[in-house]
PDB file of N, CA and C in Angstrom:
ATOM      1  N   MET A   1     144.384 192.452 -57.688  1.00  0.00           N
ATOM      2  CA  MET A   1     144.457 191.472 -56.618  1.00  0.00           C
ATOM      3  C   MET A   1     145.906 191.226 -56.200  1.00  0.00           C
ATOM      4  N   MET A   2     146.815 191.170 -57.136  1.00  0.00           N
ATOM      5  CA  MET A   2     148.220 190.940 -56.798  1.00  0.00           C
ATOM      6  C   MET A   2     148.815 192.131 -56.056  1.00  0.00           C
ATOM      7  N   ASN A   3     148.399 193.339 -56.380  1.00  0.00           N
ATOM      8  CA  ASN A   3     148.926 194.510 -55.680  1.00  0.00           C
ATOM      9  C   ASN A   3     148.536 194.496 -54.209  1.00  0.00           C
ATOM     10  N   LEU A   4     147.334 194.068 -53.925  1.00  0.00           N
ATOM     11  CA  LEU A   4     146.882 194.006 -52.534  1.00  0.00           C
ATOM     12  C   LEU A   4     147.720 193.017 -51.734  1.00  0.00           C
ATOM     13  N   ALA A   5     148.019 191.860 -52.306  1.00  0.00           N
ATOM     14  CA  ALA A   5     148.833 190.868 -51.604  1.00  0.00           C
ATOM     15  C   ALA A   5     150.244 191.398 -51.363  1.00  0.00           C
ATOM     16  N   ALA A   6     150.778 192.166 -52.299  1.00  0.00           N
ATOM     17  CA  ALA A   6     152.122 192.721 -52.143  1.00  0.00           C
ATOM     18  C   ALA A   6     152.139 193.780 -51.048  1.00  0.00           C
ATOM     19  N   GLU A   7     151.071 194.525 -50.899  1.00  0.00           N
ATOM     20  CA  GLU A   7     151.015 195.556 -49.863  1.00  0.00           C
ATOM     21  C   GLU A   7     150.889 194.937 -48.478  1.00  0.00           C
ATOM     22  N   VAL A   8     150.177 193.840 -48.356  1.00  0.00           N
ATOM     23  CA  VAL A   8     149.950 193.217 -47.062  1.00  0.00           C
ATOM     24  C   VAL A   8     151.169 192.424 -46.612  1.00  0.00           C
ATOM     25  N   SER A   9     151.984 191.937 -47.523  1.00  0.00           N
ATOM     26  CA  SER A   9     153.086 191.051 -47.164  1.00  0.00           C
ATOM     27  C   SER A   9     154.134 191.734 -46.288  1.00  0.00           C
ATOM     28  N   GLY A  10     154.212 193.030 -46.265  1.00  0.00           N
ATOM     29  CA  GLY A  10     155.182 193.716 -45.429  1.00  0.00           C
ATOM     30  C   GLY A  10     154.913 193.550 -43.950  1.00  0.00           C
ATOM     31  N   SER A  11     153.667 193.383 -43.553  1.00  0.00           N
ATOM     32  CA  SER A  11     153.357 193.275 -42.129  1.00  0.00           C
ATOM     33  C   SER A  11     152.952 191.865 -41.721  1.00  0.00           C
ATOM     34  N   LEU A  12     153.145 190.883 -42.584  1.00  0.00           N
ATOM     35  CA  LEU A  12     152.761 189.521 -42.225  1.00  0.00           C
ATOM     36  C   LEU A  12     153.622 188.960 -41.096  1.00  0.00           C
ATOM     37  N   GLY A  13     154.880 189.397 -40.987  1.00  0.00           N
ATOM     38  CA  GLY A  13     155.731 188.933 -39.895  1.00  0.00           C
ATOM     39  C   GLY A  13     155.204 189.376 -38.549  1.00  0.00           C
ATOM     40  N   SER A  14     154.753 190.617 -38.472  1.00  0.00           N
ATOM     41  CA  SER A  14     154.228 191.105 -37.201  1.00  0.00           C
ATOM     42  C   SER A  14     152.888 190.453 -36.870  1.00  0.00           C
ATOM     43  N   ILE A  15     152.085 190.184 -37.868  1.00  0.00           N
ATOM     44  CA  ILE A  15     150.824 189.481 -37.618  1.00  0.00           C
ATOM     45  C   ILE A  15     151.109 188.055 -37.165  1.00  0.00           C
ATOM     46  N   GLY A  16     152.085 187.418 -37.797  1.00  0.00           N
ATOM     47  CA  GLY A  16     152.459 186.059 -37.407  1.00  0.00           C
ATOM     48  C   GLY A  16     152.976 186.002 -35.985  1.00  0.00           C
ATOM     49  N   TYR A  17     153.791 186.987 -35.602  1.00  0.00           N
ATOM     50  CA  TYR A  17     154.286 186.983 -34.225  1.00  0.00           C
ATOM     51  C   TYR A  17     153.151 187.239 -33.237  1.00  0.00           C
ATOM     52  N   GLY A  18     152.236 188.105 -33.594  1.00  0.00           N
ATOM     53  CA  GLY A  18     151.093 188.349 -32.714  1.00  0.00           C
ATOM     54  C   GLY A  18     150.294 187.080 -32.477  1.00  0.00           C
ATOM     55  N   LEU A  19     150.111 186.297 -33.524  1.00  0.00           N
ATOM     56  CA  LEU A  19     149.413 185.025 -33.365  1.00  0.00           C
ATOM     57  C   LEU A  19     150.263 184.018 -32.589  1.00  0.00           C
ATOM     58  N   ALA A  20     151.584 184.046 -32.796  1.00  0.00           N
ATOM     59  CA  ALA A  20     152.461 183.117 -32.093  1.00  0.00           C
ATOM     60  C   ALA A  20     152.582 183.453 -30.615  1.00  0.00           C
ATOM     61  N   ALA A  21     152.330 184.690 -30.231  1.00  0.00           N
ATOM     62  CA  ALA A  21     152.440 185.089 -28.830  1.00  0.00           C
ATOM     63  C   ALA A  21     151.226 184.642 -28.008  1.00  0.00           C
ATOM     64  N   ILE A  22     150.181 184.192 -28.675  1.00  0.00           N
ATOM     65  CA  ILE A  22     148.990 183.732 -27.951  1.00  0.00           C
ATOM     66  C   ILE A  22     149.312 182.487 -27.123  1.00  0.00           C
ATOM     67  N   GLY A  23     150.063 181.547 -27.696  1.00  0.00           N
ATOM     68  CA  GLY A  23     150.394 180.300 -27.006  1.00  0.00           C
ATOM     69  C   GLY A  23     151.175 180.522 -25.724  1.00  0.00           C
ATOM     70  N   PRO A  24     152.316 181.242 -25.780  1.00  0.00           N
ATOM     71  CA  PRO A  24     153.041 181.497 -24.530  1.00  0.00           C
ATOM     72  C   PRO A  24     152.228 182.312 -23.522  1.00  0.00           C
ATOM     73  N   GLY A  25     151.373 183.202 -24.001  1.00  0.00           N
ATOM     74  CA  GLY A  25     150.530 183.968 -23.083  1.00  0.00           C
ATOM     75  C   GLY A  25     149.565 183.076 -22.321  1.00  0.00           C
ATOM     76  N   ILE A  26     148.978 182.145 -23.020  1.00  0.00           N
ATOM     77  CA  ILE A  26     148.077 181.191 -22.369  1.00  0.00           C
ATOM     78  C   ILE A  26     148.872 180.298 -21.418  1.00  0.00           C
ATOM     79  N   GLY A  27     150.064 179.878 -21.850  1.00  0.00           N
ATOM     80  CA  GLY A  27     150.905 179.020 -21.010  1.00  0.00           C
ATOM     81  C   GLY A  27     151.293 179.692 -19.709  1.00  0.00           C
ATOM     82  N   VAL A  28     151.662 180.972 -19.776  1.00  0.00           N
ATOM     83  CA  VAL A  28     152.031 181.706 -18.560  1.00  0.00           C
ATOM     84  C   VAL A  28     150.830 181.827 -17.635  1.00  0.00           C
ATOM     85  N   GLY A  29     149.670 182.065 -18.198  1.00  0.00           N
ATOM     86  CA  GLY A  29     148.460 182.143 -17.381  1.00  0.00           C
ATOM     87  C   GLY A  29     148.151 180.835 -16.678  1.00  0.00           C
ATOM     88  N   ILE A  30     148.337 179.726 -17.382  1.00  0.00           N
ATOM     89  CA  ILE A  30     148.092 178.419 -16.781  1.00  0.00           C
ATOM     90  C   ILE A  30     149.105 178.137 -15.676  1.00  0.00           C
ATOM     91  N   VAL A  31     150.382 178.456 -15.939  1.00  0.00           N
ATOM     92  CA  VAL A  31     151.430 178.199 -14.946  1.00  0.00           C
ATOM     93  C   VAL A  31     151.145 178.947 -13.652  1.00  0.00           C
ATOM     94  N   PHE A  32     150.877 180.246 -13.744  1.00  0.00           N
ATOM     95  CA  PHE A  32     150.673 181.027 -12.526  1.00  0.00           C
ATOM     96  C   PHE A  32     149.313 180.768 -11.898  1.00  0.00           C
ATOM     97  N   GLY A  33     148.314 180.455 -12.693  1.00  0.00           N
ATOM     98  CA  GLY A  33     147.008 180.114 -12.131  1.00  0.00           C
ATOM     99  C   GLY A  33     147.064 178.835 -11.313  1.00  0.00           C
ATOM    100  N   ASN A  34     147.687 177.823 -11.889  1.00  0.00           N
ATOM    101  CA  ASN A  34     147.806 176.558 -11.154  1.00  0.00           C
ATOM    102  C   ASN A  34     148.768 176.677  -9.972  1.00  0.00           C
ATOM    103  N   GLY A  35     149.790 177.504 -10.114  1.00  0.00           N
ATOM    104  CA  GLY A  35     150.697 177.728  -8.988  1.00  0.00           C
ATOM    105  C   GLY A  35     150.000 178.401  -7.819  1.00  0.00           C
ATOM    106  N   THR A  36     149.133 179.348  -8.118  1.00  0.00           N
ATOM    107  CA  THR A  36     148.373 180.024  -7.068  1.00  0.00           C
ATOM    108  C   THR A  36     147.424 179.049  -6.372  1.00  0.00           C
ATOM    109  N   GLN A  37     146.792 178.186  -7.155  1.00  0.00           N
ATOM    110  CA  GLN A  37     145.919 177.181  -6.550  1.00  0.00           C
ATOM    111  C   GLN A  37     146.714 176.212  -5.667  1.00  0.00           C
ATOM    112  N   ALA A  38     147.892 175.830  -6.136  1.00  0.00           N
ATOM    113  CA  ALA A  38     148.721 174.907  -5.353  1.00  0.00           C
ATOM    114  C   ALA A  38     149.180 175.562  -4.054  1.00  0.00           C
ATOM    115  N   LEU A  39     149.532 176.846  -4.106  1.00  0.00           N
ATOM    116  CA  LEU A  39     149.929 177.553  -2.885  1.00  0.00           C
ATOM    117  C   LEU A  39     148.773 177.658  -1.902  1.00  0.00           C
ATOM    118  N   ALA A  40     147.554 177.827  -2.420  1.00  0.00           N
ATOM    119  CA  ALA A  40     146.403 177.899  -1.533  1.00  0.00           C
ATOM    120  C   ALA A  40     146.118 176.554  -0.875  1.00  0.00           C
ATOM    121  N   ARG A  41     146.386 175.460  -1.578  1.00  0.00           N
ATOM    122  CA  ARG A  41     146.108 174.136  -1.027  1.00  0.00           C
ATOM    123  C   ARG A  41     147.199 173.660  -0.076  1.00  0.00           C
ATOM    124  N   GLN A  42     148.467 173.957  -0.411  1.00  0.00           N
ATOM    125  CA  GLN A  42     149.583 173.494   0.419  1.00  0.00           C
ATOM    126  C   GLN A  42     150.575 174.633   0.645  1.00  0.00           C
ATOM    127  N   PRO A  43     150.297 175.517   1.573  1.00  0.00           N
ATOM    128  CA  PRO A  43     151.202 176.644   1.805  1.00  0.00           C
ATOM    129  C   PRO A  43     152.580 176.226   2.304  1.00  0.00           C
ATOM    130  N   GLU A  44     152.690 175.053   2.900  1.00  0.00           N
ATOM    131  CA  GLU A  44     153.988 174.608   3.408  1.00  0.00           C
ATOM    132  C   GLU A  44     154.960 174.243   2.281  1.00  0.00           C
ATOM    133  N   ALA A  45     154.461 174.033   1.075  1.00  0.00           N
ATOM    134  CA  ALA A  45     155.309 173.693  -0.072  1.00  0.00           C
ATOM    135  C   ALA A  45     155.575 174.916  -0.947  1.00  0.00           C
ATOM    136  N   ALA A  46     155.551 176.101  -0.357  1.00  0.00           N
ATOM    137  CA  ALA A  46     155.657 177.343  -1.137  1.00  0.00           C
ATOM    138  C   ALA A  46     156.970 177.431  -1.912  1.00  0.00           C
ATOM    139  N   GLY A  47     158.076 177.015  -1.304  1.00  0.00           N
ATOM    140  CA  GLY A  47     159.369 177.115  -1.984  1.00  0.00           C
ATOM    141  C   GLY A  47     159.430 176.271  -3.243  1.00  0.00           C
ATOM    142  N   LEU A  48     158.992 175.029  -3.154  1.00  0.00           N
ATOM    143  CA  LEU A  48     159.008 174.130  -4.302  1.00  0.00           C
ATOM    144  C   LEU A  48     158.035 174.591  -5.380  1.00  0.00           C
ATOM    145  N   ILE A  49     156.861 175.030  -4.977  1.00  0.00           N
ATOM    146  CA  ILE A  49     155.858 175.492  -5.941  1.00  0.00           C
ATOM    147  C   ILE A  49     156.359 176.734  -6.666  1.00  0.00           C
ATOM    148  N   ARG A  50     156.946 177.662  -5.933  1.00  0.00           N
ATOM    149  CA  ARG A  50     157.455 178.887  -6.550  1.00  0.00           C
ATOM    150  C   ARG A  50     158.587 178.577  -7.526  1.00  0.00           C
ATOM    151  N   GLN A  51     159.451 177.643  -7.149  1.00  0.00           N
ATOM    152  CA  GLN A  51     160.549 177.237  -8.026  1.00  0.00           C
ATOM    153  C   GLN A  51     160.007 176.644  -9.328  1.00  0.00           C
ATOM    154  N   ASN A  52     158.994 175.808  -9.233  1.00  0.00           N
ATOM    155  CA  ASN A  52     158.396 175.216 -10.427  1.00  0.00           C
ATOM    156  C   ASN A  52     157.664 176.259 -11.259  1.00  0.00           C
ATOM    157  N   GLN A  53     157.069 177.251 -10.604  1.00  0.00           N
ATOM    158  CA  GLN A  53     156.421 178.335 -11.348  1.00  0.00           C
ATOM    159  C   GLN A  53     157.438 179.094 -12.189  1.00  0.00           C
ATOM    160  N   ILE A  54     158.562 179.420 -11.594  1.00  0.00           N
ATOM    161  CA  ILE A  54     159.584 180.183 -12.313  1.00  0.00           C
ATOM    162  C   ILE A  54     160.135 179.366 -13.476  1.00  0.00           C
ATOM    163  N   LEU A  55     160.332 178.076 -13.274  1.00  0.00           N
ATOM    164  CA  LEU A  55     160.822 177.217 -14.349  1.00  0.00           C
ATOM    165  C   LEU A  55     159.805 177.123 -15.488  1.00  0.00           C
ATOM    166  N   GLY A  56     158.542 176.945 -15.156  1.00  0.00           N
ATOM    167  CA  GLY A  56     157.497 176.900 -16.178  1.00  0.00           C
ATOM    168  C   GLY A  56     157.368 178.209 -16.915  1.00  0.00           C
ATOM    169  N   PHE A  57     157.498 179.325 -16.195  1.00  0.00           N
ATOM    170  CA  PHE A  57     157.445 180.643 -16.824  1.00  0.00           C
ATOM    171  C   PHE A  57     158.597 180.816 -17.804  1.00  0.00           C
ATOM    172  N   ALA A  58     159.796 180.366 -17.412  1.00  0.00           N
ATOM    173  CA  ALA A  58     160.961 180.494 -18.289  1.00  0.00           C
ATOM    174  C   ALA A  58     160.774 179.690 -19.569  1.00  0.00           C
ATOM    175  N   PHE A  59     160.229 178.486 -19.474  1.00  0.00           N
ATOM    176  CA  PHE A  59     160.004 177.679 -20.672  1.00  0.00           C
ATOM    177  C   PHE A  59     158.971 178.332 -21.589  1.00  0.00           C
ATOM    178  N   CYS A  60     157.912 178.876 -21.023  1.00  0.00           N
ATOM    179  CA  CYS A  60     156.893 179.543 -21.840  1.00  0.00           C
ATOM    180  C   CYS A  60     157.453 180.790 -22.511  1.00  0.00           C
ATOM    181  N   GLU A  61     158.223 181.560 -21.789  1.00  0.00           N
ATOM    182  CA  GLU A  61     158.780 182.778 -22.369  1.00  0.00           C
ATOM    183  C   GLU A  61     159.852 182.463 -23.405  1.00  0.00           C
ATOM    184  N   ALA A  62     160.528 181.330 -23.276  1.00  0.00           N
ATOM    185  CA  ALA A  62     161.501 180.938 -24.296  1.00  0.00           C
ATOM    186  C   ALA A  62     160.804 180.745 -25.637  1.00  0.00           C
ATOM    187  N   LEU A  63     159.601 180.198 -25.615  1.00  0.00           N
ATOM    188  CA  LEU A  63     158.855 180.047 -26.864  1.00  0.00           C
ATOM    189  C   LEU A  63     158.511 181.400 -27.471  1.00  0.00           C
ATOM    190  N   ALA A  64     158.169 182.364 -26.639  1.00  0.00           N
ATOM    191  CA  ALA A  64     157.863 183.700 -27.139  1.00  0.00           C
ATOM    192  C   ALA A  64     159.102 184.354 -27.732  1.00  0.00           C
ATOM    193  N   LEU A  65     160.248 184.181 -27.093  1.00  0.00           N
ATOM    194  CA  LEU A  65     161.482 184.766 -27.616  1.00  0.00           C
ATOM    195  C   LEU A  65     161.902 184.115 -28.924  1.00  0.00           C
ATOM    196  N   ILE A  66     161.684 182.822 -29.052  1.00  0.00           N
ATOM    197  CA  ILE A  66     161.958 182.150 -30.325  1.00  0.00           C
ATOM    198  C   ILE A  66     161.046 182.713 -31.403  1.00  0.00           C
ATOM    199  N   GLY A  67     159.801 182.997 -31.045  1.00  0.00           N
ATOM    200  CA  GLY A  67     158.869 183.591 -32.004  1.00  0.00           C
ATOM    201  C   GLY A  67     159.281 184.979 -32.451  1.00  0.00           C
ATOM    202  N   ILE A  68     159.969 185.721 -31.601  1.00  0.00           N
ATOM    203  CA  ILE A  68     160.462 187.045 -31.999  1.00  0.00           C
ATOM    204  C   ILE A  68     161.633 186.903 -32.967  1.00  0.00           C
ATOM    205  N   VAL A  69     162.512 185.943 -32.732  1.00  0.00           N
ATOM    206  CA  VAL A  69     163.738 185.811 -33.508  1.00  0.00           C
ATOM    207  C   VAL A  69     163.490 185.189 -34.887  1.00  0.00           C
ATOM    208  N   LEU A  70     162.575 184.253 -34.989  1.00  0.00           N
ATOM    209  CA  LEU A  70     162.391 183.525 -36.241  1.00  0.00           C
ATOM    210  C   LEU A  70     162.062 184.406 -37.449  1.00  0.00           C
ATOM    211  N   PRO A  71     161.217 185.437 -37.338  1.00  0.00           N
ATOM    212  CA  PRO A  71     161.006 186.269 -38.529  1.00  0.00           C
ATOM    213  C   PRO A  71     162.280 186.949 -39.019  1.00  0.00           C
ATOM    214  N   PHE A  72     163.204 187.269 -38.114  1.00  0.00           N
ATOM    215  CA  PHE A  72     164.462 187.890 -38.540  1.00  0.00           C
ATOM    216  C   PHE A  72     165.375 186.861 -39.208  1.00  0.00           C
ATOM    217  N   VAL A  73     165.347 185.618 -38.712  1.00  0.00           N
ATOM    218  CA  VAL A  73     166.224 184.590 -39.264  1.00  0.00           C
ATOM    219  C   VAL A  73     165.721 184.141 -40.650  1.00  0.00           C
ATOM    220  N   TYR A  74     164.413 183.917 -40.768  1.00  0.00           N
ATOM    221  CA  TYR A  74     163.864 183.396 -42.016  1.00  0.00           C
ATOM    222  C   TYR A  74     163.251 184.458 -42.906  1.00  0.00           C
ATOM    223  N   GLY A  75     163.358 185.718 -42.520  1.00  0.00           N
ATOM    224  CA  GLY A  75     162.788 186.792 -43.328  1.00  0.00           C
ATOM    225  C   GLY A  75     163.610 187.025 -44.591  1.00  0.00           C
ATOM    226  N   LYS A  76     163.095 187.851 -45.440  1.00  0.00           N
ATOM    227  CA  LYS A  76     163.785 188.125 -46.713  1.00  0.00           C
ATOM    228  C   LYS A  76     165.031 188.908 -46.543  1.00  0.00           C
TER     229      LYS A  76
END
């Protein structure tokens, strides 16, 4: 039983990042989905809506980038 845990521990960082990437992926989908709906409802506000979409996308992707870096910082 201990040998199996030792063999699996080498790829736990990649599994953890895969699970951590789910949140930013959902966030990006929500940002662009709601932005598209807002553009359909008020096309005259396209500049402001697009600006907010890009800002929301940047915040979501920052979480994904932090998730990539953390296994290297806290890894063995």
